């Protein structure tokens, strides 16, 4: 059973500004969990790094080796839809 995006954020005690993702971010997190089978901890770590680096979450996931180049392309295709 997938964990809801808000539960990931709460479980990993992310900063207050990261606790209320907009709807598209919540859908992206759900996509990462369900379609790409990313671990909750990986998503939470990437959210933290994306905030620190002020970079887009998909690029942070790829930069830290949490997704392959093929998976990055899947994410980017999903975001275009």
PDB file of N, CA and C in Angstrom:
ATOM      1  N   UNK A   1       0.848  -1.185   0.000  1.00  0.00           N
ATOM      2  CA  UNK A   1       0.000   0.000   0.000  1.00  0.00           C
ATOM      3  C   UNK A   1       0.887   1.239   0.000  1.00  0.00           C
ATOM      4  N   UNK A   2       0.684   2.139  -0.949  1.00  0.00           N
ATOM      5  CA  UNK A   2       1.545   3.322  -1.004  1.00  0.00           C
ATOM      6  C   UNK A   2       1.283   4.270   0.162  1.00  0.00           C
ATOM      7  N   UNK A   3       2.340   4.939   0.527  1.00  0.00           N
ATOM      8  CA  UNK A   3       2.230   5.954   1.574  1.00  0.00           C
ATOM      9  C   UNK A   3       1.910   7.271   0.895  1.00  0.00           C
ATOM     10  N   UNK A   4       0.984   8.012   1.438  1.00  0.00           N
ATOM     11  CA  UNK A   4       0.615   9.292   0.847  1.00  0.00           C
ATOM     12  C   UNK A   4       1.772  10.274   0.939  1.00  0.00           C
ATOM     13  N   UNK A   5       1.919  11.161  -0.035  1.00  0.00           N
ATOM     14  CA  UNK A   5       3.018  12.127  -0.020  1.00  0.00           C
ATOM     15  C   UNK A   5       3.121  12.903   1.287  1.00  0.00           C
ATOM     16  N   UNK A   6       1.991  13.270   1.851  1.00  0.00           N
ATOM     17  CA  UNK A   6       2.028  14.053   3.085  1.00  0.00           C
ATOM     18  C   UNK A   6       2.559  13.218   4.242  1.00  0.00           C
ATOM     19  N   UNK A   7       2.294  11.907   4.193  1.00  0.00           N
ATOM     20  CA  UNK A   7       2.810  11.023   5.234  1.00  0.00           C
ATOM     21  C   UNK A   7       4.322  10.867   5.117  1.00  0.00           C
ATOM     22  N   UNK A   8       4.837  10.838   3.906  1.00  0.00           N
ATOM     23  CA  UNK A   8       6.291  10.780   3.710  1.00  0.00           C
ATOM     24  C   UNK A   8       6.929  12.011   4.317  1.00  0.00           C
ATOM     25  N   UNK A   9       6.360  13.149   4.014  1.00  0.00           N
ATOM     26  CA  UNK A   9       6.910  14.404   4.510  1.00  0.00           C
ATOM     27  C   UNK A   9       6.873  14.435   6.030  1.00  0.00           C
ATOM     28  N   UNK A  10       5.775  13.972   6.609  1.00  0.00           N
ATOM     29  CA  UNK A  10       5.659  13.962   8.069  1.00  0.00           C
ATOM     30  C   UNK A  10       6.608  12.937   8.686  1.00  0.00           C
ATOM     31  N   UNK A  11       6.663  11.761   8.104  1.00  0.00           N
ATOM     32  CA  UNK A  11       7.488  10.686   8.653  1.00  0.00           C
ATOM     33  C   UNK A  11       8.964  11.071   8.688  1.00  0.00           C
ATOM     34  N   UNK A  12       9.424  11.751   7.682  1.00  0.00           N
ATOM     35  CA  UNK A  12      10.835  12.103   7.617  1.00  0.00           C
ATOM     36  C   UNK A  12      11.113  13.497   8.166  1.00  0.00           C
ATOM     37  N   UNK A  13      10.129  14.082   8.802  1.00  0.00           N
ATOM     38  CA  UNK A  13      10.259  15.346   9.515  1.00  0.00           C
ATOM     39  C   UNK A  13      10.944  16.429   8.671  1.00  0.00           C
ATOM     40  N   UNK A  14      10.386  16.642   7.499  1.00  0.00           N
ATOM     41  CA  UNK A  14      10.918  17.682   6.635  1.00  0.00           C
ATOM     42  C   UNK A  14      10.522  19.040   7.172  1.00  0.00           C
ATOM     43  N   UNK A  15      11.218  20.047   6.706  1.00  0.00           N
ATOM     44  CA  UNK A  15      10.979  21.406   7.199  1.00  0.00           C
ATOM     45  C   UNK A  15       9.549  21.852   6.922  1.00  0.00           C
ATOM     46  N   UNK A  16       9.119  22.849   7.671  1.00  0.00           N
ATOM     47  CA  UNK A  16       7.745  23.351   7.568  1.00  0.00           C
ATOM     48  C   UNK A  16       7.392  23.741   6.137  1.00  0.00           C
ATOM     49  N   UNK A  17       8.316  24.390   5.429  1.00  0.00           N
ATOM     50  CA  UNK A  17       8.030  24.835   4.062  1.00  0.00           C
ATOM     51  C   UNK A  17       7.855  23.664   3.104  1.00  0.00           C
ATOM     52  N   UNK A  18       8.334  22.480   3.487  1.00  0.00           N
ATOM     53  CA  UNK A  18       8.213  21.308   2.634  1.00  0.00           C
ATOM     54  C   UNK A  18       7.003  20.459   3.010  1.00  0.00           C
ATOM     55  N   UNK A  19       6.293  20.836   4.060  1.00  0.00           N
ATOM     56  CA  UNK A  19       5.198  20.016   4.562  1.00  0.00           C
ATOM     57  C   UNK A  19       3.904  20.175   3.766  1.00  0.00           C
ATOM     58  N   UNK A  20       3.798  21.195   2.961  1.00  0.00           N
ATOM     59  CA  UNK A  20       2.555  21.373   2.219  1.00  0.00           C
ATOM     60  C   UNK A  20       2.831  21.444   0.723  1.00  0.00           C
ATOM     61  N   UNK A  21       3.153  20.285   0.124  1.00  0.00           N
ATOM     62  CA  UNK A  21       3.398  20.302  -1.315  1.00  0.00           C
ATOM     63  C   UNK A  21       2.107  20.600  -2.061  1.00  0.00           C
ATOM     64  N   UNK A  22       2.239  21.275  -3.197  1.00  0.00           N
ATOM     65  CA  UNK A  22       1.037  21.537  -3.974  1.00  0.00           C
ATOM     66  C   UNK A  22       0.564  20.238  -4.629  1.00  0.00           C
ATOM     67  N   UNK A  23      -0.551  20.315  -5.269  1.00  0.00           N
ATOM     68  CA  UNK A  23      -1.162  19.103  -5.813  1.00  0.00           C
ATOM     69  C   UNK A  23      -0.254  18.408  -6.817  1.00  0.00           C
ATOM     70  N   UNK A  24       0.405  19.168  -7.691  1.00  0.00           N
ATOM     71  CA  UNK A  24       1.258  18.534  -8.693  1.00  0.00           C
ATOM     72  C   UNK A  24       2.450  17.841  -8.046  1.00  0.00           C
ATOM     73  N   UNK A  25       3.002  18.416  -6.965  1.00  0.00           N
ATOM     74  CA  UNK A  25       4.096  17.752  -6.258  1.00  0.00           C
ATOM     75  C   UNK A  25       3.615  16.465  -5.607  1.00  0.00           C
ATOM     76  N   UNK A  26       2.428  16.489  -5.047  1.00  0.00           N
ATOM     77  CA  UNK A  26       1.871  15.284  -4.434  1.00  0.00           C
ATOM     78  C   UNK A  26       1.672  14.199  -5.488  1.00  0.00           C
ATOM     79  N   UNK A  27       1.206  14.586  -6.661  1.00  0.00           N
ATOM     80  CA  UNK A  27       1.023  13.619  -7.740  1.00  0.00           C
ATOM     81  C   UNK A  27       2.367  13.080  -8.219  1.00  0.00           C
ATOM     82  N   UNK A  28       3.383  13.940  -8.266  1.00  0.00           N
ATOM     83  CA  UNK A  28       4.719  13.500  -8.663  1.00  0.00           C
ATOM     84  C   UNK A  28       5.258  12.485  -7.660  1.00  0.00           C
ATOM     85  N   UNK A  29       5.104  12.760  -6.382  1.00  0.00           N
ATOM     86  CA  UNK A  29       5.576  11.831  -5.355  1.00  0.00           C
ATOM     87  C   UNK A  29       4.853  10.488  -5.489  1.00  0.00           C
ATOM     88  N   UNK A  30       3.564  10.537  -5.736  1.00  0.00           N
ATOM     89  CA  UNK A  30       2.796   9.308  -5.928  1.00  0.00           C
ATOM     90  C   UNK A  30       3.317   8.540  -7.145  1.00  0.00           C
ATOM     91  N   UNK A  31       3.601   9.247  -8.235  1.00  0.00           N
ATOM     92  CA  UNK A  31       4.158   8.628  -9.445  1.00  0.00           C
ATOM     93  C   UNK A  31       5.507   7.980  -9.142  1.00  0.00           C
ATOM     94  N   UNK A  32       6.353   8.675  -8.396  1.00  0.00           N
ATOM     95  CA  UNK A  32       7.670   8.130  -8.057  1.00  0.00           C
ATOM     96  C   UNK A  32       7.540   6.841  -7.255  1.00  0.00           C
ATOM     97  N   UNK A  33       6.587   6.808  -6.344  1.00  0.00           N
ATOM     98  CA  UNK A  33       6.368   5.613  -5.523  1.00  0.00           C
ATOM     99  C   UNK A  33       5.764   4.466  -6.326  1.00  0.00           C
ATOM    100  N   UNK A  34       4.707   4.759  -7.040  1.00  0.00           N
ATOM    101  CA  UNK A  34       3.932   3.710  -7.696  1.00  0.00           C
ATOM    102  C   UNK A  34       4.552   3.223  -8.998  1.00  0.00           C
ATOM    103  N   UNK A  35       4.944   4.133  -9.863  1.00  0.00           N
ATOM    104  CA  UNK A  35       5.423   3.738 -11.182  1.00  0.00           C
ATOM    105  C   UNK A  35       6.913   3.418 -11.195  1.00  0.00           C
ATOM    106  N   UNK A  36       7.692   4.155 -10.431  1.00  0.00           N
ATOM    107  CA  UNK A  36       9.139   3.932 -10.433  1.00  0.00           C
ATOM    108  C   UNK A  36       9.617   3.153  -9.212  1.00  0.00           C
ATOM    109  N   UNK A  37       8.707   2.875  -8.290  1.00  0.00           N
ATOM    110  CA  UNK A  37       9.010   2.079  -7.088  1.00  0.00           C
ATOM    111  C   UNK A  37      10.160   2.655  -6.262  1.00  0.00           C
ATOM    112  N   UNK A  38      10.205   3.975  -6.142  1.00  0.00           N
ATOM    113  CA  UNK A  38      11.236   4.600  -5.308  1.00  0.00           C
ATOM    114  C   UNK A  38      10.855   4.476  -3.839  1.00  0.00           C
ATOM    115  N   UNK A  39      11.859   4.278  -3.019  1.00  0.00           N
ATOM    116  CA  UNK A  39      11.642   4.160  -1.576  1.00  0.00           C
ATOM    117  C   UNK A  39      11.247   5.507  -0.988  1.00  0.00           C
ATOM    118  N   UNK A  40      10.458   5.448   0.068  1.00  0.00           N
ATOM    119  CA  UNK A  40      10.040   6.672   0.758  1.00  0.00           C
ATOM    120  C   UNK A  40      11.244   7.474   1.226  1.00  0.00           C
ATOM    121  N   UNK A  41      12.243   6.784   1.748  1.00  0.00           N
ATOM    122  CA  UNK A  41      13.428   7.480   2.259  1.00  0.00           C
ATOM    123  C   UNK A  41      14.186   8.179   1.138  1.00  0.00           C
ATOM    124  N   UNK A  42      14.230   7.589  -0.039  1.00  0.00           N
ATOM    125  CA  UNK A  42      14.897   8.215  -1.185  1.00  0.00           C
ATOM    126  C   UNK A  42      14.169   9.479  -1.617  1.00  0.00           C
ATOM    127  N   UNK A  43      12.854   9.404  -1.636  1.00  0.00           N
ATOM    128  CA  UNK A  43      12.057  10.570  -2.014  1.00  0.00           C
ATOM    129  C   UNK A  43      12.248  11.685  -0.998  1.00  0.00           C
ATOM    130  N   UNK A  44      12.208  11.339   0.278  1.00  0.00           N
ATOM    131  CA  UNK A  44      12.376  12.347   1.329  1.00  0.00           C
ATOM    132  C   UNK A  44      13.751  13.000   1.249  1.00  0.00           C
ATOM    133  N   UNK A  45      14.791  12.189   1.020  1.00  0.00           N
ATOM    134  CA  UNK A  45      16.137  12.736   0.900  1.00  0.00           C
ATOM    135  C   UNK A  45      16.232  13.686  -0.297  1.00  0.00           C
ATOM    136  N   UNK A  46      15.648  13.275  -1.413  1.00  0.00           N
ATOM    137  CA  UNK A  46      15.690  14.107  -2.611  1.00  0.00           C
ATOM    138  C   UNK A  46      14.936  15.418  -2.402  1.00  0.00           C
ATOM    139  N   UNK A  47      13.835  15.384  -1.675  1.00  0.00           N
ATOM    140  CA  UNK A  47      13.089  16.614  -1.387  1.00  0.00           C
ATOM    141  C   UNK A  47      13.965  17.570  -0.585  1.00  0.00           C
ATOM    142  N   UNK A  48      14.666  17.033   0.404  1.00  0.00           N
ATOM    143  CA  UNK A  48      15.565  17.877   1.213  1.00  0.00           C
ATOM    144  C   UNK A  48      16.650  18.509   0.350  1.00  0.00           C
ATOM    145  N   UNK A  49      17.309  17.672  -0.464  1.00  0.00           N
ATOM    146  CA  UNK A  49      18.393  18.182  -1.304  1.00  0.00           C
ATOM    147  C   UNK A  49      17.885  19.166  -2.352  1.00  0.00           C
ATOM    148  N   UNK A  50      16.715  18.904  -2.906  1.00  0.00           N
ATOM    149  CA  UNK A  50      16.152  19.824  -3.894  1.00  0.00           C
ATOM    150  C   UNK A  50      15.906  21.186  -3.261  1.00  0.00           C
ATOM    151  N   UNK A  51      15.450  21.179  -2.017  1.00  0.00           N
ATOM    152  CA  UNK A  51      15.213  22.438  -1.297  1.00  0.00           C
ATOM    153  C   UNK A  51      16.531  23.164  -1.039  1.00  0.00           C
ATOM    154  N   UNK A  52      17.545  22.432  -0.570  1.00  0.00           N
ATOM    155  CA  UNK A  52      18.848  23.033  -0.275  1.00  0.00           C
ATOM    156  C   UNK A  52      19.508  23.585  -1.528  1.00  0.00           C
ATOM    157  N   UNK A  53      19.440  22.820  -2.598  1.00  0.00           N
ATOM    158  CA  UNK A  53      20.111  23.196  -3.840  1.00  0.00           C
ATOM    159  C   UNK A  53      19.248  24.072  -4.735  1.00  0.00           C
ATOM    160  N   UNK A  54      17.998  24.227  -4.354  1.00  0.00           N
ATOM    161  CA  UNK A  54      17.034  24.989  -5.162  1.00  0.00           C
ATOM    162  C   UNK A  54      16.978  24.464  -6.594  1.00  0.00           C
ATOM    163  N   UNK A  55      16.959  23.152  -6.670  1.00  0.00           N
ATOM    164  CA  UNK A  55      16.909  22.499  -7.970  1.00  0.00           C
ATOM    165  C   UNK A  55      15.657  21.665  -8.111  1.00  0.00           C
ATOM    166  N   UNK A  56      15.328  21.308  -9.338  1.00  0.00           N
ATOM    167  CA  UNK A  56      14.130  20.497  -9.563  1.00  0.00           C
ATOM    168  C   UNK A  56      14.320  19.077  -9.024  1.00  0.00           C
ATOM    169  N   UNK A  57      13.291  18.561  -8.415  1.00  0.00           N
ATOM    170  CA  UNK A  57      13.333  17.237  -7.799  1.00  0.00           C
ATOM    171  C   UNK A  57      13.808  16.145  -8.763  1.00  0.00           C
ATOM    172  N   UNK A  58      13.319  16.089 -10.009  1.00  0.00           N
ATOM    173  CA  UNK A  58      13.788  15.024 -10.907  1.00  0.00           C
ATOM    174  C   UNK A  58      15.305  15.055 -11.131  1.00  0.00           C
ATOM    175  N   UNK A  59      15.868  16.235 -11.267  1.00  0.00           N
ATOM    176  CA  UNK A  59      17.309  16.336 -11.492  1.00  0.00           C
ATOM    177  C   UNK A  59      18.089  15.927 -10.248  1.00  0.00           C
ATOM    178  N   UNK A  60      17.574  16.247  -9.085  1.00  0.00           N
ATOM    179  CA  UNK A  60      18.228  15.845  -7.832  1.00  0.00           C
ATOM    180  C   UNK A  60      18.192  14.323  -7.704  1.00  0.00           C
ATOM    181  N   UNK A  61      17.075  13.720  -8.023  1.00  0.00           N
ATOM    182  CA  UNK A  61      16.980  12.259  -7.984  1.00  0.00           C
ATOM    183  C   UNK A  61      18.036  11.623  -8.883  1.00  0.00           C
ATOM    184  N   UNK A  62      18.217  12.166 -10.069  1.00  0.00           N
ATOM    185  CA  UNK A  62      19.194  11.624 -11.015  1.00  0.00           C
ATOM    186  C   UNK A  62      20.620  11.906 -10.558  1.00  0.00           C
ATOM    187  N   UNK A  63      20.871  13.119 -10.114  1.00  0.00           N
ATOM    188  CA  UNK A  63      22.216  13.522  -9.692  1.00  0.00           C
ATOM    189  C   UNK A  63      22.756  12.623  -8.582  1.00  0.00           C
ATOM    190  N   UNK A  64      21.905  12.229  -7.673  1.00  0.00           N
ATOM    191  CA  UNK A  64      22.330  11.395  -6.550  1.00  0.00           C
ATOM    192  C   UNK A  64      22.151   9.896  -6.820  1.00  0.00           C
ATOM    193  N   UNK A  65      21.874   9.545  -8.054  1.00  0.00           N
ATOM    194  CA  UNK A  65      21.807   8.139  -8.429  1.00  0.00           C
ATOM    195  C   UNK A  65      20.574   7.396  -7.940  1.00  0.00           C
ATOM    196  N   UNK A  66      19.538   8.137  -7.613  1.00  0.00           N
ATOM    197  CA  UNK A  66      18.312   7.504  -7.120  1.00  0.00           C
ATOM    198  C   UNK A  66      17.404   7.043  -8.254  1.00  0.00           C
ATOM    199  N   UNK A  67      17.622   7.601  -9.440  1.00  0.00           N
ATOM    200  CA  UNK A  67      16.924   7.137 -10.639  1.00  0.00           C
ATOM    201  C   UNK A  67      17.941   7.045 -11.774  1.00  0.00           C
ATOM    202  N   UNK A  68      17.668   6.164 -12.707  1.00  0.00           N
ATOM    203  CA  UNK A  68      18.521   6.026 -13.886  1.00  0.00           C
ATOM    204  C   UNK A  68      18.163   7.114 -14.903  1.00  0.00           C
ATOM    205  N   UNK A  69      18.961   7.201 -15.944  1.00  0.00           N
ATOM    206  CA  UNK A  69      18.666   8.167 -17.000  1.00  0.00           C
ATOM    207  C   UNK A  69      17.331   7.830 -17.668  1.00  0.00           C
ATOM    208  N   UNK A  70      17.072   6.551 -17.834  1.00  0.00           N
ATOM    209  CA  UNK A  70      15.791   6.132 -18.414  1.00  0.00           C
ATOM    210  C   UNK A  70      14.623   6.547 -17.515  1.00  0.00           C
ATOM    211  N   UNK A  71      14.785   6.358 -16.213  1.00  0.00           N
ATOM    212  CA  UNK A  71      13.732   6.761 -15.279  1.00  0.00           C
ATOM    213  C   UNK A  71      13.568   8.277 -15.263  1.00  0.00           C
ATOM    214  N   UNK A  72      14.680   9.005 -15.361  1.00  0.00           N
ATOM    215  CA  UNK A  72      14.597  10.466 -15.433  1.00  0.00           C
ATOM    216  C   UNK A  72      13.766  10.876 -16.642  1.00  0.00           C
ATOM    217  N   UNK A  73      13.993  10.232 -17.768  1.00  0.00           N
ATOM    218  CA  UNK A  73      13.203  10.534 -18.963  1.00  0.00           C
ATOM    219  C   UNK A  73      11.726  10.213 -18.750  1.00  0.00           C
ATOM    220  N   UNK A  74      11.432   9.135 -18.030  1.00  0.00           N
ATOM    221  CA  UNK A  74      10.037   8.807 -17.715  1.00  0.00           C
ATOM    222  C   UNK A  74       9.410   9.905 -16.857  1.00  0.00           C
ATOM    223  N   UNK A  75      10.169  10.391 -15.888  1.00  0.00           N
ATOM    224  CA  UNK A  75       9.660  11.463 -15.022  1.00  0.00           C
ATOM    225  C   UNK A  75       9.390  12.715 -15.840  1.00  0.00           C
ATOM    226  N   UNK A  76      10.338  13.081 -16.690  1.00  0.00           N
ATOM    227  CA  UNK A  76      10.175  14.292 -17.499  1.00  0.00           C
ATOM    228  C   UNK A  76       8.996  14.156 -18.458  1.00  0.00           C
ATOM    229  N   UNK A  77       8.829  12.972 -19.041  1.00  0.00           N
ATOM    230  CA  UNK A  77       7.664  12.733 -19.907  1.00  0.00           C
ATOM    231  C   UNK A  77       6.372  12.859 -19.109  1.00  0.00           C
ATOM    232  N   UNK A  78       6.359  12.306 -17.903  1.00  0.00           N
ATOM    233  CA  UNK A  78       5.172  12.386 -17.047  1.00  0.00           C
ATOM    234  C   UNK A  78       4.852  13.840 -16.711  1.00  0.00           C
ATOM    235  N   UNK A  79       5.884  14.625 -16.435  1.00  0.00           N
ATOM    236  CA  UNK A  79       5.671  16.033 -16.085  1.00  0.00           C
ATOM    237  C   UNK A  79       5.108  16.838 -17.252  1.00  0.00           C
ATOM    238  N   UNK A  80       5.444  16.441 -18.478  1.00  0.00           N
ATOM    239  CA  UNK A  80       4.946  17.151 -19.657  1.00  0.00           C
ATOM    240  C   UNK A  80       3.461  16.919 -19.888  1.00  0.00           C
ATOM    241  N   UNK A  81       2.933  15.816 -19.369  1.00  0.00           N
ATOM    242  CA  UNK A  81       1.514  15.468 -19.602  1.00  0.00           C
ATOM    243  C   UNK A  81       0.586  16.319 -18.800  1.00  0.00           C
TER     244      UNK A  81
END
